[in-house]
Every structure is written in structure tokens, then in C-alpha cells.
């Protein structure tokens, strides 16, 4: 009894003295497209960022159940990880803050209702900015001016941005559109008659697990280096890869989520702020290309962007 009175007295004294009591942590729900190592890694980094501000996020996985919809409608912020999760949550049309991450910009642009209130819906994309990709090409391969780009329906806008950025750097971009895998190889044969840097784009209809080996072999046959968008490309035989890890994207999404919870609105959609570069020195030697270490290239690219 004495202890209870002491606790109550301490609380009343704190209020009377004008001391602030801890604010109630806002509820956050993370919705994952599937249970995989990439989504788990991003969710872990995102959760750590939110917990540092006192928030305790809950995690759901697609497909969502009927009672999940009620929970989503009652939370101040929803963070989706992956395209499937973004589509599932967007279909519910929640009237709350929604942050989408680990999805391409092209997938975000197609979400229903994303433009209803730009302050309530935002994203941290998985794909790299066009200017960053072209700047890496210029830094890593200064003697190469021809850039080959093959895009599909899903990646046509990205192809246009890459083409414009390459021209800004006084490179010679070649752009072809392929409607499917059957059009991909003829396009590569035409573009690589004269060696060029093939810049792979994150379009699953063209660049996927079924096609990656043949794409790399075709490029190698034409003595053309490939720049990929994931570590898998470097392991498979690409010269370079520019990508952001799930943890890097998750941390950035966590920072945006904290900002949204504090202000009640979200900033505009953004590309990944931090990135990594992978290199394949064996391929470089086979193609007779002098290539700097990945750490050196990353430092130079970060310096070019002014990244701290």
C-alpha cells in the first residue's frame, strides 16, 4: 500500500512540476509480400529504426486475412515491403499513412489511389536513379561511350530516363524495346554488333532467372561488359552491379516512417539513398578491362553525388 502511494505521489509530482511523461508509442504495421531473407532483412532494419523512437511495429504477411483489414484501418502508419504487399494494401484503400518500399518505381506508379493524397502515400524505391547508374558507368568505364539499353513495357520510362542521362554525359545510348523474351536476343544481337556496355534494367519480363545466363553469354560473345542491378548478376558473370541492400532500404524507410509519425504527413517518393557496388575482376581480365576495386568506385560515386 505504501509503495502504491509512493508511485502515485511521484507521478503527480512530475505532472505538477511540468515534467513530460513518455508519449504513447504510435502503432505501425509492416506488411511483407512473403517470408524471405530479403524482406526479413529489410523488416529488421526498419523495425530497429522505429524501435529507437519508441514504436513497436507489428508484422503481417500477404495474403491478408479478413481480420487483418480491421487492424490496418486502425493503425496510424502502414509500411509495405514488396510489390505484392503494396498491391494488397492499396486495394483496401486505407485512410492512413502508407509507405511502400522494396518495389520498383514502375510498380508504385500503377498502384490504385496513390495520387489521392500525396501527403499520405509515399515510397522508397528499390531501383537506382538513372543519373547514378550512368555516372557509375562513366567513372568505371571512361573509355566506353556506347551504352545498350533494352526495355519492355514495364521499363519504358526508366529507359527514357537512362537514355537522357547518358546523353547528358556525352555518351551514345542505343535504346530498343522488346515485348518479351523472344524479342530480347535479336535486340541484343543488333545492338552489340559493335561492343557496348549493356545496362540491365529491373524489368522481370526481360531480365530474370530464365534469361540472365543467355544475356551474359551473348554480351560476352560480343566482348561487351554488363552492368547489373543485383549481386546475383556479378556472381553470374556481369562486370559490375549497382544495388542497395534490403537493410539499407529498410533503414531509409524507417527514417521516413519516423518522420511521418512525427509530422502526420510523408515526404515525396524517393530512390535509395545508400548503395553498394559489386565487381567481377575475372570478367574484367577476360575482357581486357582495367577495373578499379569496388570500394574505390563506391567512394568516387559517393563523392560525385555528395553523399556523406
Protein backbone atom coordinates (compact mmCIF):
# COMPACT_ATOMS: atom_id res chain seq x y z
CA UNK A 1 0.00 0.00 0.00
CA UNK A 2 2.82 2.33 0.93
CA UNK A 3 4.61 1.52 -2.35
CA UNK A 4 1.47 2.25 -4.39
CA UNK A 5 1.03 5.62 -2.71
CA UNK A 6 4.69 6.42 -3.36
CA UNK A 7 4.30 5.68 -7.07
CA UNK A 8 1.14 7.79 -7.35
CA UNK A 9 2.79 10.63 -5.48
CA UNK A 10 5.78 10.52 -7.87
CA UNK A 11 3.54 10.70 -10.94
CA UNK A 12 1.51 13.60 -9.55
CA UNK A 13 4.70 15.40 -8.58
CA UNK A 14 6.08 15.01 -12.12
CA UNK A 15 2.90 16.44 -13.66
CA UNK A 16 2.75 19.30 -11.16
CA UNK A 17 6.40 20.09 -11.82
CA UNK A 18 5.82 20.32 -15.55
CA UNK A 19 7.85 17.21 -16.43
CA UNK A 20 6.77 15.46 -19.63
CA UNK A 21 5.68 11.86 -19.34
CA UNK A 22 6.71 9.45 -22.16
CA UNK A 23 4.46 9.84 -25.21
CA UNK A 24 2.34 6.86 -26.18
CA UNK A 25 4.06 4.97 -28.98
CA UNK A 26 2.17 5.03 -32.26
CA UNK A 27 1.11 1.73 -33.81
CA UNK A 28 2.84 0.68 -37.01
CA UNK A 29 2.08 -2.37 -39.14
CA UNK A 30 4.59 -3.83 -41.58
CA UNK A 31 3.10 -5.89 -44.42
CA UNK A 32 5.53 -8.27 -46.14
CA UNK A 33 4.97 -9.69 -49.62
CA UNK A 34 6.34 -13.05 -48.49
CA UNK A 35 8.57 -14.65 -45.91
CA UNK A 36 12.04 -14.42 -47.44
CA UNK A 37 15.52 -13.41 -46.35
CA UNK A 38 15.40 -10.12 -48.28
CA UNK A 39 12.11 -8.99 -46.78
CA UNK A 40 13.17 -10.16 -43.31
CA UNK A 41 16.44 -8.23 -43.58
CA UNK A 42 14.62 -5.05 -44.59
CA UNK A 43 11.97 -5.51 -41.92
CA UNK A 44 14.63 -5.97 -39.25
CA UNK A 45 16.39 -2.73 -40.17
CA UNK A 46 13.06 -0.90 -40.41
CA UNK A 47 11.92 -2.23 -37.04
CA UNK A 48 15.20 -1.23 -35.37
CA UNK A 49 14.78 2.33 -36.64
CA UNK A 50 11.19 2.53 -35.37
CA UNK A 51 12.03 1.00 -32.00
CA UNK A 52 14.73 3.60 -31.47
CA UNK A 53 11.88 6.15 -31.42
CA UNK A 54 9.77 4.05 -29.04
CA UNK A 55 7.46 2.49 -31.64
CA UNK A 56 6.64 -1.24 -31.59
CA UNK A 57 5.67 -2.39 -35.09
CA UNK A 58 3.51 -5.42 -35.82
CA UNK A 59 4.22 -7.64 -38.85
CA UNK A 60 1.74 -9.22 -41.27
CA UNK A 61 2.39 -11.28 -44.40
CA UNK A 62 0.42 -11.47 -47.66
CA UNK A 63 -2.16 -12.92 -48.24
CA UNK A 64 -4.03 -10.80 -45.72
CA UNK A 65 -6.90 -12.24 -43.71
CA UNK A 66 -10.27 -10.62 -43.06
CA UNK A 67 -9.33 -9.50 -39.55
CA UNK A 68 -6.07 -8.01 -40.86
CA UNK A 69 -8.06 -5.35 -42.72
CA UNK A 70 -9.57 -4.11 -39.45
CA UNK A 71 -6.15 -3.89 -37.85
CA UNK A 72 -4.77 -1.96 -40.85
CA UNK A 73 -7.61 0.56 -40.77
CA UNK A 74 -6.92 1.37 -37.14
CA UNK A 75 -3.16 1.99 -37.31
CA UNK A 76 -1.54 5.40 -37.92
CA UNK A 77 1.04 4.04 -40.38
CA UNK A 78 1.34 1.06 -42.71
CA UNK A 79 4.64 0.12 -44.32
CA UNK A 80 4.55 -2.39 -47.19
CA UNK A 81 7.58 -4.40 -48.31
CA UNK A 82 7.45 -5.61 -51.90
CA UNK A 83 5.04 -5.19 -54.80
CA UNK A 84 2.51 -7.83 -53.69
CA UNK A 85 2.14 -6.22 -50.28
CA UNK A 86 1.77 -2.78 -51.85
CA UNK A 87 -0.98 -4.03 -54.16
CA UNK A 88 -2.80 -5.81 -51.33
CA UNK A 89 -2.79 -2.77 -49.05
CA UNK A 90 -3.65 -0.31 -51.83
CA UNK A 91 -6.65 -2.46 -52.72
CA UNK A 92 -8.03 -1.88 -49.22
CA UNK A 93 -7.83 1.91 -49.73
CA UNK A 94 -6.80 2.64 -46.13
CA UNK A 95 -7.29 6.21 -44.92
CA UNK A 96 -3.99 6.35 -43.07
CA UNK A 97 -0.32 6.98 -43.81
CA UNK A 98 1.04 4.33 -46.19
CA UNK A 99 4.71 3.94 -47.04
CA UNK A 100 5.64 1.47 -49.80
CA UNK A 101 9.15 0.08 -50.08
CA UNK A 102 11.19 -2.63 -51.81
CA UNK A 103 9.27 -2.14 -55.05
CA UNK A 104 10.21 -0.61 -58.42
CA UNK A 105 9.06 2.87 -59.29
CA UNK A 106 7.06 1.44 -62.20
CA UNK A 107 5.05 -0.76 -59.80
CA UNK A 108 4.37 2.17 -57.48
CA UNK A 109 3.07 4.29 -60.35
CA UNK A 110 0.41 1.65 -61.07
CA UNK A 111 -0.98 1.36 -57.54
CA UNK A 112 -4.65 2.34 -57.25
CA UNK A 113 -5.36 5.57 -55.40
CA UNK A 114 -1.71 6.51 -54.90
CA UNK A 115 -2.39 10.05 -56.09
CA UNK A 116 -5.43 10.71 -53.92
CA UNK A 117 -3.34 12.45 -51.26
CA UNK A 118 0.39 12.71 -51.86
CA UNK A 119 0.97 13.57 -48.20
CA UNK A 120 -0.46 10.25 -47.04
CA UNK A 121 1.20 7.90 -49.55
CA UNK A 122 4.89 7.66 -50.38
CA UNK A 123 7.62 5.17 -51.28
CA UNK A 124 11.27 4.25 -51.07
CA UNK A 125 12.01 2.57 -54.39
CA UNK A 126 14.29 -0.38 -54.95
CA UNK A 127 15.66 0.79 -58.31
CA UNK A 128 18.59 3.17 -58.60
CA UNK A 129 18.32 6.68 -60.06
CA UNK A 130 19.19 6.85 -63.74
CA UNK A 131 21.80 9.55 -63.15
CA UNK A 132 23.59 7.35 -60.59
CA UNK A 133 23.75 4.38 -62.96
CA UNK A 134 25.14 6.45 -65.80
CA UNK A 135 27.64 8.19 -63.52
CA UNK A 136 28.95 4.80 -62.36
CA UNK A 137 29.36 3.74 -65.99
CA UNK A 138 31.28 6.93 -66.72
CA UNK A 139 33.53 6.52 -63.65
CA UNK A 140 34.20 2.80 -64.01
CA UNK A 141 34.48 2.62 -67.81
CA UNK A 142 35.69 6.03 -69.02
CA UNK A 143 36.83 4.66 -72.40
CA UNK A 144 33.40 3.24 -73.27
CA UNK A 145 30.88 5.57 -74.86
CA UNK A 146 28.30 3.19 -76.39
CA UNK A 147 25.50 2.17 -73.99
CA UNK A 148 22.98 -0.55 -74.91
CA UNK A 149 19.53 -0.43 -73.32
CA UNK A 150 16.78 -2.99 -73.89
CA UNK A 151 13.48 -2.19 -72.16
CA UNK A 152 9.99 -3.62 -72.03
CA UNK A 153 6.56 -2.18 -71.42
CA UNK A 154 7.17 -2.03 -67.67
CA UNK A 155 10.51 -0.26 -68.00
CA UNK A 156 9.99 2.14 -70.92
CA UNK A 157 10.00 5.25 -68.72
CA UNK A 158 13.18 4.10 -66.96
CA UNK A 159 14.77 3.50 -70.36
CA UNK A 160 13.92 7.05 -71.40
CA UNK A 161 15.47 8.46 -68.22
CA UNK A 162 18.62 6.38 -68.71
CA UNK A 163 18.87 7.46 -72.33
CA UNK A 164 18.53 11.14 -71.40
CA UNK A 165 21.05 10.85 -68.59
CA UNK A 166 23.55 9.11 -70.87
CA UNK A 167 23.23 11.88 -73.43
CA UNK A 168 23.79 14.46 -70.71
CA UNK A 169 27.14 12.75 -70.00
CA UNK A 170 28.00 12.84 -73.74
CA UNK A 171 27.63 9.08 -74.13
CA UNK A 172 25.97 7.31 -77.06
CA UNK A 173 22.91 5.40 -75.81
CA UNK A 174 21.06 2.89 -78.01
CA UNK A 175 17.53 2.04 -76.89
CA UNK A 176 15.39 -0.84 -78.13
CA UNK A 177 12.02 -2.06 -76.87
CA UNK A 178 11.29 -5.78 -76.55
CA UNK A 179 7.75 -7.04 -75.97
CA UNK A 180 9.03 -10.27 -74.39
CA UNK A 181 11.89 -12.71 -74.07
CA UNK A 182 11.58 -13.77 -77.71
CA UNK A 183 12.43 -10.22 -78.81
CA UNK A 184 15.27 -9.80 -76.34
CA UNK A 185 18.04 -11.76 -78.06
CA UNK A 186 17.54 -10.32 -81.57
CA UNK A 187 17.67 -6.86 -80.00
CA UNK A 188 20.92 -7.71 -78.21
CA UNK A 189 22.45 -9.09 -81.42
CA UNK A 190 21.67 -5.84 -83.26
CA UNK A 191 22.91 -3.53 -80.54
CA UNK A 192 26.12 -5.41 -79.73
CA UNK A 193 27.44 -5.84 -83.27
CA UNK A 194 29.92 -3.21 -82.11
CA UNK A 195 30.92 -3.70 -78.44
CA UNK A 196 28.91 -1.60 -75.98
CA UNK A 197 28.14 -1.53 -72.27
CA UNK A 198 24.88 -3.40 -71.72
CA UNK A 199 22.97 -1.81 -68.87
CA UNK A 200 20.47 -4.31 -67.44
CA UNK A 201 17.19 -2.83 -66.17
CA UNK A 202 14.96 -4.23 -63.41
CA UNK A 203 12.22 -5.47 -65.73
CA UNK A 204 11.24 -9.04 -64.81
CA UNK A 205 9.69 -9.64 -68.22
CA UNK A 206 13.15 -9.42 -69.80
CA UNK A 207 15.86 -9.70 -67.15
CA UNK A 208 15.05 -12.67 -64.93
CA UNK A 209 16.39 -16.03 -63.75
CA UNK A 210 15.47 -17.69 -67.05
CA UNK A 211 17.31 -15.18 -69.23
CA UNK A 212 20.30 -13.98 -67.20
CA UNK A 213 22.70 -16.73 -68.34
CA UNK A 214 21.97 -16.29 -72.06
CA UNK A 215 22.11 -12.49 -71.75
CA UNK A 216 25.55 -12.64 -70.16
CA UNK A 217 26.81 -15.20 -72.68
CA UNK A 218 25.53 -13.13 -75.60
CA UNK A 219 27.19 -9.99 -74.24
CA UNK A 220 30.45 -11.83 -73.53
CA UNK A 221 30.46 -13.27 -77.06
CA UNK A 222 30.31 -9.69 -78.36
CA UNK A 223 33.05 -8.56 -75.94
CA UNK A 224 30.55 -6.30 -74.20
CA UNK A 225 30.52 -5.77 -70.41
CA UNK A 226 27.25 -5.93 -68.48
CA UNK A 227 26.23 -3.72 -65.57
CA UNK A 228 23.56 -5.43 -63.45
CA UNK A 229 21.27 -4.37 -60.63
CA UNK A 230 21.90 -7.08 -58.02
CA UNK A 231 24.79 -9.12 -56.57
CA UNK A 232 23.45 -12.14 -58.46
CA UNK A 233 24.49 -10.53 -61.73
CA UNK A 234 28.10 -10.19 -60.60
CA UNK A 235 28.17 -13.81 -59.45
CA UNK A 236 26.72 -14.92 -62.77
CA UNK A 237 29.27 -13.01 -64.87
CA UNK A 238 28.40 -9.31 -65.05
CA UNK A 239 31.30 -6.89 -64.83
CA UNK A 240 29.58 -4.59 -62.33
CA UNK A 241 26.41 -4.27 -60.30
CA UNK A 242 24.89 -1.24 -58.61
CA UNK A 243 22.31 -2.00 -55.94
CA UNK A 244 21.02 -1.18 -52.47
CA UNK A 245 20.77 -3.90 -49.85
CA UNK A 246 17.42 -4.68 -48.19
CA UNK A 247 18.91 -3.41 -44.91
CA UNK A 248 19.86 -0.07 -46.48
CA UNK A 249 16.38 0.38 -47.93
CA UNK A 250 14.77 -0.77 -44.68
CA UNK A 251 16.73 1.76 -42.64
CA UNK A 252 15.79 4.59 -45.02
CA UNK A 253 12.13 3.52 -44.89
CA UNK A 254 12.33 3.51 -41.10
CA UNK A 255 13.63 7.06 -41.09
CA UNK A 256 10.80 8.15 -43.40
CA UNK A 257 8.27 6.32 -41.22
CA UNK A 258 9.52 8.10 -38.11
CA UNK A 259 9.22 11.43 -39.90
CA UNK A 260 5.67 10.61 -40.99
CA UNK A 261 4.57 9.61 -37.49
CA UNK A 262 6.05 12.79 -36.03
CA UNK A 263 4.60 15.20 -38.61
CA UNK A 264 1.42 13.47 -39.78
CA UNK A 265 2.49 13.50 -43.44
CA UNK A 266 5.04 11.71 -45.63
CA UNK A 267 7.75 13.18 -47.89
CA UNK A 268 7.70 12.59 -51.67
CA UNK A 269 8.72 9.16 -53.03
CA UNK A 270 12.48 8.69 -53.23
CA UNK A 271 15.18 6.44 -54.66
CA UNK A 272 17.55 4.58 -52.33
CA UNK A 273 19.96 6.99 -50.68
CA UNK A 274 22.71 4.47 -49.91
CA UNK A 275 24.04 1.83 -52.28
CA UNK A 276 26.74 -0.75 -52.91
CA UNK A 277 28.83 -1.69 -55.91
CA UNK A 278 29.92 -5.21 -56.80
CA UNK A 279 32.68 -6.05 -59.29
CA UNK A 280 33.88 -9.19 -61.06
CA UNK A 281 37.66 -8.92 -61.63
CA UNK A 282 37.75 -12.25 -63.53
CA UNK A 283 35.36 -10.93 -66.17
CA UNK A 284 37.33 -7.67 -66.31
CA UNK A 285 40.53 -9.55 -67.07
CA UNK A 286 38.80 -11.74 -69.67
CA UNK A 287 37.52 -8.65 -71.48
CA UNK A 288 40.81 -6.80 -71.13
CA UNK A 289 39.24 -4.07 -68.99
CA UNK A 290 41.18 -2.27 -66.28
CA UNK A 291 38.68 -2.03 -63.41
CA UNK A 292 39.20 -0.36 -60.04
CA UNK A 293 38.19 -2.08 -56.81
CA UNK A 294 34.55 -1.84 -55.75
CA UNK A 295 35.45 0.22 -52.69
CA UNK A 296 37.28 2.79 -54.83
CA UNK A 297 34.39 3.03 -57.30
CA UNK A 298 31.89 3.42 -54.48
CA UNK A 299 33.94 6.20 -52.86
CA UNK A 300 34.21 8.04 -56.17
CA UNK A 301 30.49 7.69 -56.89
CA UNK A 302 29.53 8.84 -53.40
CA UNK A 303 31.84 11.82 -53.77
CA UNK A 304 30.27 12.67 -57.14
CA UNK A 305 26.82 12.64 -55.52
CA UNK A 306 27.94 14.45 -52.41
CA UNK A 307 26.83 11.53 -50.23
CA UNK A 308 28.17 11.79 -46.66
